[in-house]
Amino acid sequence: IVKANIWMRFPSKILIKMGEFKAITFDSLFESVKALDWGSWIPVDGKFTVIGKSVKSTLHSVPDCQAIVKKAVVEKLKLKYHVDWFDETGADYKIQVALLNDVATLTIDTSGDSLHKRGYRQNAMDAPLKENLAAAMIDLSYWRKNRILFDPMCGSGTIPIEAAMIARNIAPGLNRSFACDSWERIDKSLWKQAKIEAYKAIDYDFPLKIYGSDIDPDAIELAKENAEKAGVDD
């Protein structure tokens, strides 16, 4: 979980899959959710919210599904911790119930904010390209770090910056936080060690030729600022 959040460039979220099952009644949804081992992740003071979506499923009322999942998780945690009330003052555990063709998938979000938010782009021009999408486009292209990259309409610099980060082997999640930072089950030392390893993996020596231009001088200034924040302004 730690390495996936720090290193993966293309996903939006890293999710823990808790279970998957068919659910065509609210009773079956409740019992199946209650049977899952929520206590292995959520501590007694854990704050847990439930989000949901439903596509082509009998249980099409998302608010009702969310309420039932919340109740089922509470009932399961009551059995584990032998309490009747949860203060929910601890770390955040966002649960999602996703229904597709009457199959329910239950997950816990480890990332929090979408992974496209690297932390270097505080400001952007109109219609900005998401960082993870830019990284995926670069990966699908013919460009490799020994070639020249030129983005003639670079805007706030997302494509050149992501290319430089790929070439430098800079972990995209190195300078941001995640929902699971403060989870009890994930030892703090794992984060420290993973970040040390990520810093050591950065390659500053390979000569790169990455260029960007734009008709808007404000875009160029913004791109320069973002490149500096990302550590690739050189």
Protein backbone atom coordinates (compact mmCIF):
# COMPACT_ATOMS: atom_id res chain seq x y z
CA ILE A 1 0.00 0.00 0.00
CA VAL A 2 2.79 2.41 0.92
CA LYS A 3 4.86 1.80 -2.21
CA ALA A 4 1.82 1.76 -4.50
CA ASN A 5 0.67 5.18 -3.32
CA ILE A 6 4.15 6.69 -3.55
CA TRP A 7 5.19 5.18 -6.88
CA MET A 8 2.21 4.52 -9.17
CA ARG A 9 1.87 7.24 -11.83
CA PHE A 10 -1.34 6.34 -13.66
CA PRO A 11 -4.12 5.33 -11.17
CA SER A 12 -6.41 7.75 -9.37
CA LYS A 13 -6.78 5.62 -6.24
CA ILE A 14 -5.24 2.65 -4.45
CA LEU A 15 -8.12 0.68 -2.93
CA ILE A 16 -8.24 -2.30 -0.58
CA LYS A 17 -10.77 -4.78 -1.93
CA MET A 18 -12.67 -6.09 1.09
CA GLY A 19 -15.15 -8.29 -0.75
CA GLU A 20 -17.28 -8.91 -3.83
CA PHE A 21 -20.64 -10.65 -3.97
CA LYS A 22 -24.05 -10.66 -5.67
CA ALA A 23 -26.63 -8.42 -4.00
CA ILE A 24 -30.18 -8.05 -5.26
CA THR A 25 -31.87 -7.34 -1.90
CA PHE A 26 -31.00 -4.99 0.93
CA ASP A 27 -30.98 -7.93 3.34
CA SER A 28 -28.39 -9.82 1.30
CA LEU A 29 -26.29 -6.65 1.00
CA PHE A 30 -26.41 -6.12 4.76
CA GLU A 31 -25.50 -9.70 5.67
CA SER A 32 -22.69 -9.94 3.09
CA VAL A 33 -21.14 -6.64 4.20
CA LYS A 34 -21.44 -7.62 7.87
CA ALA A 35 -19.58 -10.88 7.13
CA LEU A 36 -16.46 -9.01 5.96
CA ASP A 37 -13.51 -8.48 8.31
CA TRP A 38 -13.74 -4.70 8.80
CA GLY A 39 -12.03 -4.83 12.16
CA SER A 40 -8.78 -5.92 10.54
CA TRP A 41 -8.43 -2.37 9.16
CA ILE A 42 -10.75 -0.03 11.07
CA PRO A 43 -9.80 0.58 14.74
CA VAL A 44 -12.30 1.35 17.48
CA ASP A 45 -11.87 5.12 17.02
CA GLY A 46 -11.75 5.00 13.20
CA LYS A 47 -13.81 7.52 11.28
CA PHE A 48 -15.55 5.73 8.42
CA THR A 49 -17.78 7.24 5.78
CA VAL A 50 -19.50 5.36 2.97
CA ILE A 51 -19.77 6.50 -0.65
CA GLY A 52 -21.50 4.54 -3.40
CA LYS A 53 -22.45 4.09 -7.01
CA SER A 54 -24.83 1.77 -8.82
CA VAL A 55 -24.94 0.86 -12.50
CA LYS A 56 -27.48 -1.54 -14.06
CA SER A 57 -28.33 -3.06 -10.68
CA THR A 58 -31.54 -3.93 -8.83
CA LEU A 59 -30.33 -1.94 -5.83
CA HIS A 60 -30.28 1.38 -7.66
CA SER A 61 -30.81 3.71 -4.68
CA VAL A 62 -27.27 4.74 -3.76
CA PRO A 63 -28.22 6.57 -0.50
CA ASP A 64 -30.06 3.46 0.75
CA CYS A 65 -27.09 1.23 -0.14
CA GLN A 66 -24.72 3.59 1.66
CA ALA A 67 -26.89 3.59 4.79
CA ILE A 68 -27.14 -0.20 4.84
CA VAL A 69 -23.38 -0.63 4.36
CA LYS A 70 -22.70 1.84 7.18
CA LYS A 71 -25.08 -0.03 9.49
CA ALA A 72 -23.57 -3.40 8.59
CA VAL A 73 -20.01 -2.17 9.27
CA VAL A 74 -21.11 -0.70 12.61
CA GLU A 75 -22.74 -3.99 13.63
CA LYS A 76 -19.59 -5.94 12.71
CA LEU A 77 -17.33 -3.56 14.64
CA LYS A 78 -19.65 -3.75 17.67
CA LEU A 79 -19.01 -7.49 17.78
CA LYS A 80 -15.25 -6.99 17.57
CA TYR A 81 -14.79 -4.14 20.03
CA HIS A 82 -17.74 -4.90 22.37
CA VAL A 83 -19.00 -1.33 22.35
CA ASP A 84 -22.34 0.20 21.38
CA TRP A 85 -21.11 3.62 20.27
CA PHE A 86 -18.21 4.79 18.09
CA ASP A 87 -16.83 8.32 18.51
CA GLU A 88 -15.08 8.21 15.11
CA THR A 89 -12.36 10.62 16.22
CA GLY A 90 -9.44 8.76 14.64
CA ALA A 91 -8.05 8.34 11.14
CA ASP A 92 -10.32 8.41 8.10
CA TYR A 93 -11.40 5.19 6.36
CA LYS A 94 -13.54 5.89 3.31
CA ILE A 95 -15.58 2.84 2.28
CA GLN A 96 -17.09 2.52 -1.19
CA VAL A 97 -19.92 0.23 -2.25
CA ALA A 98 -19.93 -0.11 -6.04
CA LEU A 99 -22.76 -2.05 -7.67
CA LEU A 100 -22.45 -3.22 -11.27
CA ASN A 101 -24.88 -5.73 -12.80
CA ASP A 102 -26.04 -6.71 -9.27
CA VAL A 103 -22.50 -7.46 -8.09
CA ALA A 104 -21.36 -5.39 -5.11
CA THR A 105 -17.68 -4.59 -4.60
CA LEU A 106 -16.63 -3.19 -1.22
CA THR A 107 -13.36 -1.26 -0.95
CA ILE A 108 -11.48 1.04 1.43
CA ASP A 109 -9.69 4.04 -0.08
CA THR A 110 -6.04 4.25 1.00
CA SER A 111 -5.16 7.34 -1.06
CA GLY A 112 -7.54 10.10 0.00
CA ASP A 113 -7.16 12.86 -2.58
CA SER A 114 -6.80 11.51 -6.12
CA LEU A 115 -3.27 10.40 -6.97
CA HIS A 116 -3.16 12.82 -9.89
CA LYS A 117 -2.59 15.52 -7.27
CA ARG A 118 1.19 15.31 -7.03
CA GLY A 119 1.53 18.50 -5.02
CA TYR A 120 3.53 20.57 -7.52
CA ARG A 121 0.63 22.14 -9.38
CA GLN A 122 -1.08 24.53 -6.99
CA ASN A 123 -2.33 26.63 -9.90
CA ALA A 124 -3.21 25.74 -13.48
CA MET A 125 -4.47 27.30 -16.70
CA ASP A 126 -7.95 26.66 -18.08
CA ALA A 127 -8.76 23.03 -18.94
CA PRO A 128 -5.68 21.55 -17.24
CA LEU A 129 -4.59 18.02 -18.07
CA LYS A 130 -4.57 15.75 -15.03
CA GLU A 131 -1.07 14.69 -14.05
CA ASN A 132 -1.76 10.94 -14.13
CA LEU A 133 -3.35 11.23 -17.59
CA ALA A 134 -0.33 13.20 -18.83
CA ALA A 135 2.00 10.50 -17.46
CA ALA A 136 -0.02 7.78 -19.19
CA MET A 137 0.06 9.67 -22.51
CA ILE A 138 3.84 9.98 -22.24
CA ASP A 139 4.18 6.29 -21.42
CA LEU A 140 2.09 5.38 -24.49
CA SER A 141 4.09 7.66 -26.76
CA TYR A 142 7.35 6.92 -28.57
CA TRP A 143 9.28 9.21 -26.25
CA ARG A 144 12.02 7.82 -24.04
CA LYS A 145 14.45 9.77 -21.89
CA ASN A 146 17.24 9.56 -24.49
CA ARG A 147 15.04 11.42 -27.00
CA ILE A 148 13.98 15.05 -27.27
CA LEU A 149 10.52 15.98 -25.98
CA PHE A 150 8.89 19.22 -27.11
CA ASP A 151 5.42 20.34 -26.05
CA PRO A 152 4.59 23.43 -28.19
CA MET A 153 1.41 24.28 -26.21
CA CYS A 154 2.53 23.29 -22.73
CA GLY A 155 0.12 25.43 -20.69
CA SER A 156 1.05 25.03 -17.02
CA GLY A 157 3.71 22.49 -18.00
CA THR A 158 2.10 19.21 -16.99
CA ILE A 159 3.43 17.07 -19.87
CA PRO A 160 7.06 18.31 -19.74
CA ILE A 161 7.09 18.07 -15.94
CA GLU A 162 5.67 14.55 -15.89
CA ALA A 163 8.18 13.51 -18.58
CA ALA A 164 11.04 14.92 -16.51
CA MET A 165 9.78 13.12 -13.41
CA ILE A 166 9.62 9.84 -15.34
CA ALA A 167 13.12 10.36 -16.75
CA ARG A 168 14.53 11.32 -13.34
CA ASN A 169 12.68 8.39 -11.72
CA ILE A 170 11.02 10.75 -9.24
CA ALA A 171 8.20 8.99 -7.39
CA PRO A 172 5.00 10.97 -8.10
CA GLY A 173 3.68 10.66 -4.55
CA LEU A 174 6.92 11.57 -2.81
CA ASN A 175 5.82 15.03 -1.64
CA ARG A 176 2.20 14.51 -0.69
CA SER A 177 0.15 12.86 2.04
CA PHE A 178 -2.35 10.00 1.86
CA ALA A 179 -5.44 8.93 3.78
CA CYS A 180 -3.61 5.90 5.15
CA ASP A 181 -0.68 7.93 6.55
CA SER A 182 -2.12 7.65 10.05
CA TRP A 183 -3.69 4.19 9.87
CA GLU A 184 -2.79 2.03 12.86
CA ARG A 185 -2.13 -1.07 10.80
CA ILE A 186 0.55 0.60 8.64
CA ASP A 187 3.70 1.17 10.69
CA LYS A 188 5.18 4.68 10.43
CA SER A 189 8.60 3.18 9.73
CA LEU A 190 7.28 1.80 6.42
CA TRP A 191 6.58 5.34 5.17
CA LYS A 192 9.98 6.57 6.30
CA GLN A 193 11.83 3.68 4.67
CA ALA A 194 9.84 3.90 1.42
CA LYS A 195 10.54 7.64 1.08
CA ILE A 196 14.24 7.17 1.79
CA GLU A 197 14.36 4.51 -0.93
CA ALA A 198 12.46 6.79 -3.33
CA TYR A 199 14.89 9.68 -2.76
CA LYS A 200 17.84 7.38 -3.35
CA ALA A 201 16.28 6.13 -6.60
CA ILE A 202 16.20 9.59 -8.23
CA ASP A 203 18.58 9.88 -11.19
CA TYR A 204 20.06 13.37 -11.48
CA ASP A 205 22.86 12.43 -13.86
CA PHE A 206 21.20 11.51 -17.16
CA PRO A 207 21.19 14.54 -19.52
CA LEU A 208 17.65 15.41 -20.61
CA LYS A 209 16.29 17.51 -23.47
CA ILE A 210 12.74 18.47 -22.54
CA TYR A 211 11.21 21.69 -23.85
CA GLY A 212 7.90 23.52 -23.55
CA SER A 213 6.50 26.66 -25.14
CA ASP A 214 3.20 28.53 -25.07
CA ILE A 215 1.67 31.63 -26.67
CA ASP A 216 0.62 32.86 -23.20
CA PRO A 217 3.51 34.33 -21.15
CA ASP A 218 1.49 33.77 -17.95
CA ALA A 219 1.38 30.06 -18.77
CA ILE A 220 5.16 29.98 -19.14
CA GLU A 221 5.67 31.63 -15.75
CA LEU A 222 3.24 29.18 -14.17
CA ALA A 223 4.98 26.24 -15.85
CA LYS A 224 8.31 27.43 -14.47
CA GLU A 225 6.86 27.65 -10.95
CA ASN A 226 5.35 24.18 -11.21
CA ALA A 227 8.59 22.71 -12.55
CA GLU A 228 10.47 24.19 -9.62
CA LYS A 229 7.98 22.73 -7.13
CA ALA A 230 8.31 19.35 -8.84
CA GLY A 231 12.10 19.49 -8.59
CA VAL A 232 12.71 19.42 -12.35
CA ASP A 233 13.22 23.13 -13.13
CA ASP A 234 16.67 22.38 -14.53
